[in-house]
Amino acid sequence: MGLLQSWGGVGTSLASFIFIWDMIRRYCPPELVRALDKWTRRIRSFFYPYIHISISEFMSNNFKRHDAYAAVEAYLSEHLAKEATRLRAEAVGGGSKLVLSMDEHERVTDEFRGTKIQWIKHVQPESRPSSESEKKSYKLMFHKKYRDMVTDIYLEQVIKRGKEIQKRNRKRKLYTNGHSKTTWSHITFEHPATFGSLAMEAERKQEIMDDLLLFRESKDFYARIGKAWKRGYLLYGPPGTGKSTMIAAMANLLDYDIYDLELTSVRDNTELRRLLAETSSKSIVVIEDIDCSLDLTGQRKQKQDKSPEEKTAVTKKEVPYKDTEESGSRVTLSGLLNFIDGLWSACSGERIIVFTTNYLDKLDPALTRRGRMDKHIELSYCNFEGFKVLAKNYLCLDAHPLFESIEMLMKEIKIIPADVAENLMPSSPKEGAEKCLLKLVEALKHAKELMIKKDKEESVVNKRSQVADQDDTGTAICHVRVLEK
């Protein structure tokens, strides 16, 4: 009973102090308030002599990811995670190994030169109701008398060792914005494609590889000429010609991460800039099927051909405001162009931007001009050189008597590499290389028959069209003669 009375007295005293302090701040002169604040801080520091340093996941502008956060996370995961009682496990390396790290609100203690330093993992939900992300940070707590040692020496060593751990354990990542419109999510990138396995002529492959390697080593050159350290690649050609495989081979050659940007999931130009700012250097930003991602192609021509009244009528009739809000993105062509080579494109160095399309003529020339898409790479139908690469990959063959027949057929018809690869794929473990080649020969012959049949049908249609034109011309001449009489 006496203990309860004691605590009740403490509560009353605190309430009285808070009331009196509020009155002082309201009615006392500012000079006196500042002096009292100073003495209050000294008293609080005497009873609580600890300093807190927060390292957030993102910079203060919430655009760019904080490199120090990732380094601290790597350091704590390797050195202090064993002391934690609440851990988060993540699979890496295809699920063969689990990496443990601190779970939210967990505390661990590090020791440096006889000083105990406490780390706290802090997670706070975003204040905006519509946000899907969280504010993550690591908080560092230590006695104030070790301030210089911690800020000048300890933190520097933690960041240095964390980056060494990151480099040692680094795995390429494939990022996407498909699941969350506001941030990137990622998985480990383990695509096995290389330039050696691409169905393409050796000279063209070597040209592309030389261009990529030259870009990676050209930091000083780009700085000297005053350009952002980036390069654009446009991959175009029919479906199934290996555009996605080419991107994977580029990432494996350069050891870059891939950011697969889904434009239809981006709300507007501001969101697009935010996603770009969050990408890291040494990365490939990919927009696949750019002609299908958004209605960004041919807009200028349409606007020039239509009068202002027609534009207004079409806008009101075909694109209601409500549907636009609900159905997708408000990213504009100008926003995408600024993403590629505007001011925001220079926010991170050493970046490659890749567009892919099946229909080059559908793209606005502003997207494809040199300086934005610096190198245009056509990935077309499979030729005999590409077939030999696929035969080596799938069947481990460098030569075979059927190669001659395949070469002759490939000169006459068009077939995409994906179809060639499908026929070379053994359908059972017992199926040999010769049987796979025979399947391909039959597929090529069948494609040739279809091509001949199609050509005949088109020839018949053209003849009928010519006859109809001649009949129309003759009828018109008769009418003219009748009128002349």
Protein backbone atom coordinates (compact mmCIF):
# COMPACT_ATOMS: atom_id res chain seq x y z
CA MET A 1 0.00 0.00 0.00
CA GLY A 2 2.85 2.32 0.88
CA LEU A 3 4.55 1.54 -2.46
CA LEU A 4 1.40 2.48 -4.35
CA GLN A 5 1.18 5.73 -2.44
CA SER A 6 4.82 6.46 -3.27
CA TRP A 7 4.27 5.91 -7.00
CA GLY A 8 1.13 8.00 -6.86
CA GLY A 9 3.15 10.83 -5.34
CA VAL A 10 5.74 10.55 -8.12
CA GLY A 11 2.99 10.75 -10.74
CA THR A 12 1.51 13.83 -9.11
CA SER A 13 4.92 15.50 -8.96
CA LEU A 14 5.58 14.80 -12.64
CA ALA A 15 2.21 16.19 -13.63
CA SER A 16 2.86 19.31 -11.58
CA PHE A 17 6.31 19.75 -13.12
CA ILE A 18 4.94 19.41 -16.66
CA PHE A 19 2.23 21.99 -15.89
CA ILE A 20 4.69 24.45 -14.38
CA TRP A 21 7.16 23.96 -17.27
CA ASP A 22 4.41 24.62 -19.80
CA MET A 23 3.49 27.87 -18.01
CA ILE A 24 7.15 28.96 -17.96
CA ARG A 25 7.52 28.36 -21.73
CA ARG A 26 4.36 30.32 -22.42
CA TYR A 27 4.81 33.40 -20.24
CA CYS A 28 8.54 33.75 -19.46
CA PRO A 29 10.90 35.82 -21.64
CA PRO A 30 12.55 33.85 -24.48
CA GLU A 31 16.03 34.40 -22.99
CA LEU A 32 14.98 32.73 -19.75
CA VAL A 33 13.34 29.84 -21.62
CA ARG A 34 16.51 29.21 -23.64
CA ALA A 35 18.63 29.22 -20.48
CA LEU A 36 16.26 26.80 -18.77
CA ASP A 37 16.31 24.55 -21.85
CA LYS A 38 20.09 24.48 -21.73
CA TRP A 39 20.14 23.49 -18.07
CA THR A 40 17.39 20.90 -18.68
CA ARG A 41 19.47 19.25 -21.39
CA ARG A 42 22.47 19.15 -19.08
CA ILE A 43 20.44 17.53 -16.32
CA ARG A 44 18.95 15.01 -18.78
CA SER A 45 22.41 14.26 -20.16
CA PHE A 46 23.69 13.64 -16.63
CA PHE A 47 21.02 11.03 -15.94
CA TYR A 48 20.99 9.57 -19.50
CA PRO A 49 24.52 9.97 -20.98
CA TYR A 50 23.90 8.03 -24.23
CA ILE A 51 24.03 9.10 -27.87
CA HIS A 52 21.89 7.63 -30.66
CA ILE A 53 22.89 7.53 -34.33
CA SER A 54 20.36 6.37 -36.93
CA ILE A 55 21.33 4.89 -40.30
CA SER A 56 18.25 4.74 -42.54
CA GLU A 57 17.69 2.47 -45.51
CA PHE A 58 17.10 5.46 -47.78
CA MET A 59 18.57 8.93 -47.98
CA SER A 60 16.63 11.83 -46.48
CA ASN A 61 14.97 12.49 -49.85
CA ASN A 62 13.66 8.90 -49.89
CA PHE A 63 14.92 8.53 -53.47
CA LYS A 64 18.31 6.87 -53.26
CA ARG A 65 19.17 3.82 -51.19
CA HIS A 66 21.76 4.45 -48.46
CA ASP A 67 24.93 2.47 -49.18
CA ALA A 68 25.88 2.56 -45.49
CA TYR A 69 22.66 0.74 -44.51
CA ALA A 70 23.48 -2.28 -46.67
CA ALA A 71 27.07 -2.33 -45.38
CA VAL A 72 25.90 -2.21 -41.73
CA GLU A 73 23.40 -4.99 -42.42
CA ALA A 74 26.13 -7.19 -43.91
CA TYR A 75 28.46 -6.50 -40.96
CA LEU A 76 25.83 -7.27 -38.32
CA SER A 77 24.62 -10.39 -40.13
CA GLU A 78 28.10 -11.89 -40.12
CA HIS A 79 29.47 -10.71 -36.77
CA LEU A 80 26.56 -10.22 -34.38
CA ALA A 81 23.56 -12.20 -35.66
CA LYS A 82 24.57 -15.17 -33.48
CA GLU A 83 23.85 -13.11 -30.37
CA ALA A 84 20.34 -12.13 -31.50
CA THR A 85 17.29 -14.03 -30.24
CA ARG A 86 14.95 -12.80 -33.00
CA LEU A 87 16.28 -13.50 -36.47
CA ARG A 88 15.13 -13.31 -40.05
CA ALA A 89 16.24 -16.11 -42.39
CA GLU A 90 16.64 -15.57 -46.13
CA ALA A 91 17.56 -18.18 -48.70
CA VAL A 92 20.43 -17.46 -51.08
CA GLY A 93 22.20 -19.52 -53.64
CA GLY A 94 19.10 -21.23 -54.94
CA GLY A 95 17.83 -22.14 -51.48
CA SER A 96 20.88 -24.20 -50.51
CA LYS A 97 21.92 -21.84 -47.73
CA LEU A 98 20.11 -19.65 -45.21
CA VAL A 99 21.53 -16.28 -44.19
CA LEU A 100 20.44 -14.99 -40.78
CA SER A 101 20.00 -11.33 -39.98
CA MET A 102 18.42 -9.30 -37.18
CA ASP A 103 14.66 -9.15 -37.10
CA GLU A 104 12.84 -5.89 -36.44
CA HIS A 105 13.31 -4.25 -33.01
CA GLU A 106 16.06 -6.72 -32.08
CA ARG A 107 19.10 -5.52 -30.10
CA VAL A 108 22.68 -6.80 -30.20
CA THR A 109 25.83 -5.52 -28.52
CA ASP A 110 29.20 -5.07 -30.20
CA GLU A 111 32.49 -4.45 -28.41
CA PHE A 112 35.20 -2.17 -29.77
CA ARG A 113 38.36 -1.27 -27.82
CA GLY A 114 36.70 -2.19 -24.55
CA THR A 115 33.59 -0.13 -25.33
CA LYS A 116 30.14 -1.69 -25.60
CA ILE A 117 28.07 -0.41 -28.49
CA GLN A 118 24.44 -1.42 -28.96
CA TRP A 119 22.72 -1.86 -32.33
CA ILE A 120 18.92 -1.79 -32.71
CA LYS A 121 16.96 -2.80 -35.84
CA HIS A 122 14.07 -0.35 -36.19
CA VAL A 123 11.11 -0.68 -38.57
CA GLN A 124 8.40 1.95 -38.86
CA PRO A 125 5.42 1.81 -41.27
CA GLU A 126 5.15 4.65 -43.76
CA SER A 127 2.91 7.49 -42.59
CA ARG A 128 0.99 7.60 -45.87
CA PRO A 129 -2.02 5.25 -45.82
CA SER A 130 -1.56 4.26 -49.46
CA SER A 131 2.09 3.33 -49.06
CA GLU A 132 3.12 -0.31 -49.21
CA SER A 133 6.64 0.15 -47.86
CA GLU A 134 8.27 0.60 -44.45
CA LYS A 135 10.99 2.86 -43.09
CA LYS A 136 13.87 0.69 -41.95
CA SER A 137 16.91 1.82 -40.02
CA TYR A 138 19.70 0.64 -37.73
CA LYS A 139 20.19 2.65 -34.55
CA LEU A 140 23.50 2.83 -32.80
CA MET A 141 23.65 3.65 -29.06
CA PHE A 142 26.79 4.37 -26.98
CA HIS A 143 28.07 6.46 -24.07
CA LYS A 144 28.76 10.10 -24.92
CA LYS A 145 32.36 9.95 -23.75
CA TYR A 146 33.15 7.61 -26.68
CA ARG A 147 31.62 9.90 -29.27
CA ASP A 148 34.81 10.73 -31.18
CA MET A 149 36.03 7.14 -31.22
CA VAL A 150 32.71 5.77 -32.47
CA THR A 151 32.04 8.41 -35.14
CA ASP A 152 35.62 8.69 -36.41
CA ILE A 153 36.95 5.13 -36.12
CA TYR A 154 34.34 2.52 -35.28
CA LEU A 155 31.70 3.47 -37.86
CA GLU A 156 34.32 3.79 -40.58
CA GLN A 157 35.56 0.27 -39.85
CA VAL A 158 32.03 -1.15 -39.74
CA ILE A 159 31.25 0.32 -43.17
CA LYS A 160 34.56 -0.86 -44.61
CA ARG A 161 34.20 -4.42 -43.31
CA GLY A 162 30.53 -4.52 -44.33
CA LYS A 163 31.41 -3.59 -47.92
CA GLU A 164 34.10 -6.28 -47.97
CA ILE A 165 31.52 -8.83 -46.83
CA GLN A 166 29.08 -7.60 -49.49
CA LYS A 167 31.70 -7.95 -52.19
CA ARG A 168 32.68 -11.43 -51.02
CA ASN A 169 29.08 -12.68 -50.83
CA ARG A 170 27.67 -10.70 -53.74
CA LYS A 171 25.19 -12.43 -56.01
CA ARG A 172 23.63 -10.83 -59.02
CA LYS A 173 20.03 -9.81 -58.46
CA LEU A 174 16.99 -9.49 -60.67
CA TYR A 175 14.80 -6.60 -59.52
CA THR A 176 11.20 -5.91 -60.45
CA ASN A 177 8.61 -3.29 -59.58
CA GLY A 178 5.68 -5.53 -60.51
CA HIS A 179 4.64 -6.50 -56.96
CA SER A 180 5.12 -3.08 -55.37
CA LYS A 181 4.59 0.08 -57.38
CA THR A 182 6.75 2.18 -55.09
CA THR A 183 9.87 0.08 -54.54
CA TRP A 184 11.94 -2.66 -56.12
CA SER A 185 11.78 -6.26 -54.96
CA HIS A 186 14.40 -8.78 -56.00
CA ILE A 187 15.42 -12.41 -56.33
CA THR A 188 18.82 -13.94 -56.98
CA PHE A 189 19.67 -13.85 -60.69
CA GLU A 190 21.01 -17.21 -61.82
CA HIS A 191 20.37 -17.28 -65.56
CA PRO A 192 23.06 -19.43 -67.26
CA ALA A 193 23.08 -17.62 -70.63
CA THR A 194 26.44 -16.52 -72.03
CA PHE A 195 27.51 -15.04 -75.33
CA GLY A 196 29.02 -18.40 -76.18
CA SER A 197 25.57 -20.01 -76.08
CA LEU A 198 23.81 -17.35 -78.20
CA ALA A 199 22.66 -18.46 -81.65
CA MET A 200 24.46 -15.69 -83.52
CA GLU A 201 27.41 -15.20 -85.82
CA ALA A 202 30.74 -15.14 -83.97
CA GLU A 203 31.75 -11.77 -85.45
CA ARG A 204 28.54 -10.05 -84.29
CA LYS A 205 28.84 -11.54 -80.81
CA GLN A 206 32.42 -10.37 -80.51
CA GLU A 207 31.43 -6.87 -81.66
CA ILE A 208 28.74 -6.63 -78.97
CA MET A 209 31.04 -8.01 -76.28
CA ASP A 210 33.79 -5.53 -77.18
CA ASP A 211 31.29 -2.68 -76.99
CA LEU A 212 30.06 -3.76 -73.54
CA LEU A 213 33.56 -4.26 -72.11
CA LEU A 214 34.70 -0.92 -73.50
CA PHE A 215 31.74 0.78 -71.80
CA ARG A 216 32.60 -0.82 -68.45
CA GLU A 217 36.14 0.56 -68.59
CA SER A 218 35.21 4.06 -69.82
CA LYS A 219 34.46 5.96 -66.61
CA ASP A 220 37.21 8.55 -67.20
CA PHE A 221 36.23 8.94 -70.86
CA TYR A 222 32.60 9.75 -70.03
CA ALA A 223 33.71 12.21 -67.34
CA ARG A 224 36.08 13.92 -69.79
CA ILE A 225 33.44 14.40 -72.51
CA GLY A 226 30.81 15.53 -69.99
CA LYS A 227 28.28 12.72 -70.46
CA ALA A 228 26.51 10.52 -67.93
CA TRP A 229 28.14 7.09 -67.67
CA LYS A 230 25.35 5.14 -69.36
CA ARG A 231 24.64 3.45 -72.65
CA GLY A 232 21.42 2.50 -74.42
CA TYR A 233 20.80 -0.71 -76.36
CA LEU A 234 17.79 -1.39 -78.58
CA LEU A 235 17.15 -5.07 -79.27
CA TYR A 236 14.62 -5.67 -82.02
CA GLY A 237 13.40 -8.57 -84.11
CA PRO A 238 10.62 -11.17 -84.36
CA PRO A 239 9.43 -13.01 -81.23
CA GLY A 240 11.59 -15.97 -80.23
CA THR A 241 14.88 -14.59 -81.55
CA GLY A 242 16.62 -14.42 -78.17
CA LYS A 243 16.23 -10.84 -76.94
CA SER A 244 15.75 -11.81 -73.28
CA THR A 245 18.61 -14.32 -73.53
CA MET A 246 20.84 -11.56 -74.89
CA ILE A 247 20.08 -9.40 -71.84
CA ALA A 248 20.96 -12.27 -69.50
CA ALA A 249 24.23 -12.81 -71.37
CA MET A 250 25.05 -9.09 -71.06
CA ALA A 251 24.47 -9.21 -67.29
CA ASN A 252 26.63 -12.31 -66.90
CA LEU A 253 29.43 -10.83 -68.98
CA LEU A 254 29.57 -7.55 -67.04
CA ASP A 255 28.52 -8.96 -63.63
CA TYR A 256 25.68 -6.41 -63.45
CA ASP A 257 22.31 -6.59 -61.70
CA ILE A 258 19.12 -6.38 -63.79
CA TYR A 259 16.20 -4.05 -63.10
CA ASP A 260 13.18 -5.31 -65.05
CA LEU A 261 10.97 -2.22 -65.23
CA GLU A 262 7.25 -2.87 -65.71
CA LEU A 263 6.03 0.47 -67.02
CA THR A 264 2.35 -0.38 -66.66
CA SER A 265 2.86 -0.65 -62.88
CA VAL A 266 4.32 2.87 -62.62
CA ARG A 267 1.75 5.48 -61.64
CA ASP A 268 3.31 8.60 -63.18
CA ASN A 269 6.54 10.35 -64.15
CA THR A 270 7.39 11.15 -60.53
CA GLU A 271 7.18 7.48 -59.61
CA LEU A 272 9.34 6.63 -62.61
CA ARG A 273 12.05 9.04 -61.44
CA ARG A 274 11.91 7.59 -57.95
CA LEU A 275 12.42 4.05 -59.24
CA LEU A 276 15.32 5.20 -61.41
CA ALA A 277 16.98 6.94 -58.47
CA GLU A 278 16.75 3.74 -56.41
CA THR A 279 18.67 1.70 -58.99
CA SER A 280 22.31 1.06 -58.23
CA SER A 281 25.32 1.47 -60.45
CA LYS A 282 26.63 -1.58 -62.32
CA SER A 283 23.12 -2.41 -63.46
CA ILE A 284 21.03 -3.01 -66.58
CA VAL A 285 17.61 -1.34 -66.64
CA VAL A 286 15.33 -3.31 -68.98
CA ILE A 287 12.00 -2.33 -70.54
CA GLU A 288 10.83 -5.30 -72.58
CA ASP A 289 8.32 -4.95 -75.43
CA ILE A 290 8.42 -1.16 -75.22
CA ASP A 291 5.88 -0.92 -78.04
CA CYS A 292 3.32 -2.79 -75.87
CA SER A 293 4.17 -1.38 -72.42
CA LEU A 294 2.37 1.97 -72.81
CA ASP A 295 0.73 4.01 -75.54
CA LEU A 296 3.90 6.01 -76.17
CA THR A 297 4.37 5.37 -79.88
CA GLY A 298 3.23 7.54 -82.72
CA GLN A 299 1.64 10.11 -80.41
CA ARG A 300 3.25 13.12 -82.02
CA LYS A 301 2.02 12.18 -85.47
CA GLN A 302 -1.50 11.60 -84.19
CA LYS A 303 -1.55 14.96 -82.47
CA GLN A 304 -0.37 16.74 -85.60
CA ASP A 305 -2.92 15.04 -87.85
CA LYS A 306 -5.94 15.89 -85.66
CA SER A 307 -7.49 19.26 -85.05
CA PRO A 308 -7.94 20.54 -81.47
CA GLU A 309 -11.69 19.80 -81.69
CA GLU A 310 -11.00 16.21 -82.79
CA LYS A 311 -8.44 15.71 -80.00
CA THR A 312 -10.94 16.88 -77.40
CA ALA A 313 -13.68 14.67 -78.79
CA VAL A 314 -11.44 11.60 -78.92
CA THR A 315 -10.17 12.24 -75.40
CA LYS A 316 -13.67 12.54 -74.00
CA LYS A 317 -14.99 9.57 -75.90
CA GLU A 318 -12.14 7.05 -75.86
CA VAL A 319 -10.15 7.80 -72.70
CA PRO A 320 -12.42 8.78 -69.82
CA TYR A 321 -10.62 10.26 -66.83
CA LYS A 322 -12.00 7.61 -64.51
CA ASP A 323 -10.74 4.76 -66.69
CA THR A 324 -7.30 6.31 -66.93
CA GLU A 325 -7.07 6.62 -63.18
CA GLU A 326 -8.18 3.06 -62.54
CA SER A 327 -6.57 1.17 -65.37
CA GLY A 328 -2.96 2.15 -65.38
CA SER A 329 -0.02 4.43 -65.75
CA ARG A 330 0.17 8.13 -66.53
CA VAL A 331 3.80 7.93 -67.63
CA THR A 332 4.30 10.17 -70.66
CA LEU A 333 6.71 10.04 -73.56
CA SER A 334 8.59 13.08 -72.23
CA GLY A 335 8.86 11.41 -68.81
CA LEU A 336 10.33 8.29 -70.39
CA LEU A 337 12.78 10.33 -72.46
CA ASN A 338 13.95 12.13 -69.33
CA PHE A 339 14.35 8.71 -67.71
CA ILE A 340 16.66 7.64 -70.55
CA ASP A 341 18.91 10.66 -71.04
CA GLY A 342 17.57 13.62 -69.06
CA LEU A 343 18.96 15.06 -65.85
CA TRP A 344 17.66 12.13 -63.79
CA SER A 345 19.49 9.60 -65.93
CA ALA A 346 22.80 10.69 -64.36
CA CYS A 347 21.80 9.91 -60.75
CA SER A 348 23.84 6.67 -60.74
CA GLY A 349 26.86 5.85 -62.84
CA GLU A 350 27.71 2.77 -64.89
CA ARG A 351 24.23 1.89 -66.08
CA ILE A 352 22.95 0.27 -69.27
CA ILE A 353 19.38 0.84 -70.47
CA VAL A 354 17.89 -1.80 -72.78
CA PHE A 355 14.67 -1.61 -74.78
CA THR A 356 13.28 -4.62 -76.62
CA THR A 357 10.61 -4.60 -79.31
CA ASN A 358 9.19 -6.93 -81.94
CA TYR A 359 8.17 -4.02 -84.19
CA LEU A 360 10.80 -1.34 -84.63
CA ASP A 361 8.65 0.78 -86.95
CA LYS A 362 6.03 1.27 -84.21
CA LEU A 363 8.41 3.18 -81.94
CA ASP A 364 8.56 6.96 -81.83
CA PRO A 365 11.83 8.14 -83.44
CA ALA A 366 12.52 10.20 -80.32
CA LEU A 367 12.96 6.93 -78.38
CA THR A 368 15.31 5.25 -80.81
CA ARG A 369 17.65 8.03 -81.94
CA ARG A 370 21.37 7.74 -81.23
CA GLY A 371 22.29 9.20 -77.88
CA ARG A 372 19.31 7.49 -76.28
CA MET A 373 19.53 4.05 -77.82
CA ASP A 374 23.19 4.20 -78.79
CA LYS A 375 23.45 0.73 -80.29
CA HIS A 376 20.73 -0.99 -82.31
CA ILE A 377 21.01 -4.79 -82.41
CA GLU A 378 18.80 -6.78 -84.74
CA LEU A 379 18.06 -10.32 -83.58
CA SER A 380 16.57 -11.99 -86.62
CA TYR A 381 15.84 -15.47 -87.95
CA CYS A 382 18.27 -18.30 -87.38
CA ASN A 383 20.97 -18.88 -89.98
CA PHE A 384 23.33 -21.81 -90.34
CA GLU A 385 25.97 -20.23 -88.07
CA GLY A 386 23.37 -19.85 -85.33
CA PHE A 387 22.21 -23.43 -85.87
CA LYS A 388 25.75 -24.75 -85.36
CA VAL A 389 25.92 -22.96 -82.00
CA LEU A 390 22.61 -24.52 -80.95
CA ALA A 391 23.70 -27.97 -82.18
CA LYS A 392 26.83 -27.65 -80.07
CA ASN A 393 24.82 -26.53 -77.02
CA TYR A 394 22.01 -29.09 -77.26
CA LEU A 395 23.65 -32.11 -78.91
CA CYS A 396 27.39 -31.53 -78.39
CA LEU A 397 27.88 -31.82 -82.16
CA ASP A 398 30.38 -29.90 -84.25
CA ALA A 399 29.59 -31.73 -87.51
CA HIS A 400 27.15 -34.29 -88.92
CA PRO A 401 26.13 -35.49 -92.42
CA LEU A 402 22.70 -33.89 -91.96
CA PHE A 403 24.25 -30.44 -91.50
CA GLU A 404 24.48 -29.97 -95.29
CA SER A 405 20.75 -30.55 -95.79
CA ILE A 406 19.93 -28.24 -92.90
CA GLU A 407 22.14 -25.49 -94.35
CA MET A 408 20.42 -25.68 -97.74
CA LEU A 409 16.94 -25.56 -96.19
CA MET A 410 17.84 -22.62 -93.96
CA LYS A 411 18.86 -20.59 -97.00
CA GLU A 412 15.34 -20.99 -98.40
CA ILE A 413 13.10 -20.45 -95.37
CA LYS A 414 12.90 -18.34 -92.23
CA ILE A 415 12.88 -20.02 -88.82
CA ILE A 416 13.38 -18.44 -85.42
CA PRO A 417 16.08 -19.78 -83.03
CA ALA A 418 13.41 -20.82 -80.51
CA ASP A 419 11.88 -23.25 -83.05
CA VAL A 420 15.29 -24.65 -83.95
CA ALA A 421 16.10 -25.17 -80.26
CA GLU A 422 12.75 -26.89 -79.64
CA ASN A 423 13.44 -29.44 -82.38
CA LEU A 424 16.97 -30.07 -81.13
CA MET A 425 15.72 -30.71 -77.59
CA PRO A 426 15.65 -34.49 -76.93
CA SER A 427 12.15 -35.64 -76.02
CA SER A 428 13.51 -38.54 -73.96
CA PRO A 429 16.88 -39.65 -72.53
CA LYS A 430 17.13 -42.37 -75.19
CA GLU A 431 16.63 -40.02 -78.13
CA GLY A 432 19.94 -39.56 -79.92
CA ALA A 433 21.45 -36.61 -81.74
CA GLU A 434 20.62 -37.94 -85.20
CA LYS A 435 16.94 -38.28 -84.39
CA CYS A 436 16.85 -34.68 -83.13
CA LEU A 437 18.47 -33.49 -86.36
CA LEU A 438 15.94 -35.46 -88.41
CA LYS A 439 13.15 -33.74 -86.46
CA LEU A 440 14.62 -30.40 -87.42
CA VAL A 441 14.93 -31.42 -91.09
CA GLU A 442 11.27 -32.47 -91.14
CA ALA A 443 10.25 -29.19 -89.47
CA LEU A 444 12.23 -27.23 -92.08
CA LYS A 445 10.67 -29.18 -94.95
CA HIS A 446 7.21 -28.64 -93.53
CA ALA A 447 7.90 -24.91 -93.19
CA LYS A 448 9.09 -24.88 -96.82
CA GLU A 449 5.88 -26.56 -97.99
CA LEU A 450 3.80 -24.01 -96.11
CA MET A 451 5.83 -21.19 -97.63
CA ILE A 452 5.32 -22.55 -101.16
CA LYS A 453 1.60 -22.99 -100.55
CA LYS A 454 1.32 -19.46 -99.21
CA ASP A 455 3.21 -18.04 -102.18
CA LYS A 456 0.85 -19.85 -104.58
CA GLU A 457 -2.22 -18.53 -102.79
CA GLU A 458 -0.83 -15.00 -102.85
CA SER A 459 -0.05 -15.39 -106.57
CA VAL A 460 -3.64 -16.46 -107.29
CA VAL A 461 -5.01 -13.54 -105.30
CA ASN A 462 -2.75 -11.11 -107.16
CA LYS A 463 -3.84 -12.46 -110.55
CA ARG A 464 -7.49 -12.17 -109.63
CA SER A 465 -6.88 -8.64 -108.46
CA GLN A 466 -5.18 -7.76 -111.74
CA VAL A 467 -8.05 -9.27 -113.76
CA ALA A 468 -10.56 -7.35 -111.68
CA ASP A 469 -8.61 -4.15 -112.25
CA GLN A 470 -8.55 -4.80 -116.00
CA ASP A 471 -12.31 -5.47 -116.03
CA ASP A 472 -12.93 -2.28 -114.11
CA THR A 473 -10.71 -0.36 -116.54
CA GLY A 474 -12.52 -1.83 -119.57
CA THR A 475 -15.91 -1.03 -118.12
CA ALA A 476 -14.82 2.52 -117.41
CA ILE A 477 -13.58 2.95 -121.01
CA CYS A 478 -16.94 1.73 -122.35
CA HIS A 479 -18.77 4.21 -120.16
CA VAL A 480 -16.55 7.00 -121.42
CA ARG A 481 -17.20 6.05 -125.05
CA VAL A 482 -20.96 5.97 -124.45
CA LEU A 483 -20.85 9.41 -122.93
CA GLU A 484 -18.77 10.75 -125.80
CA LYS A 485 -21.41 9.50 -128.29
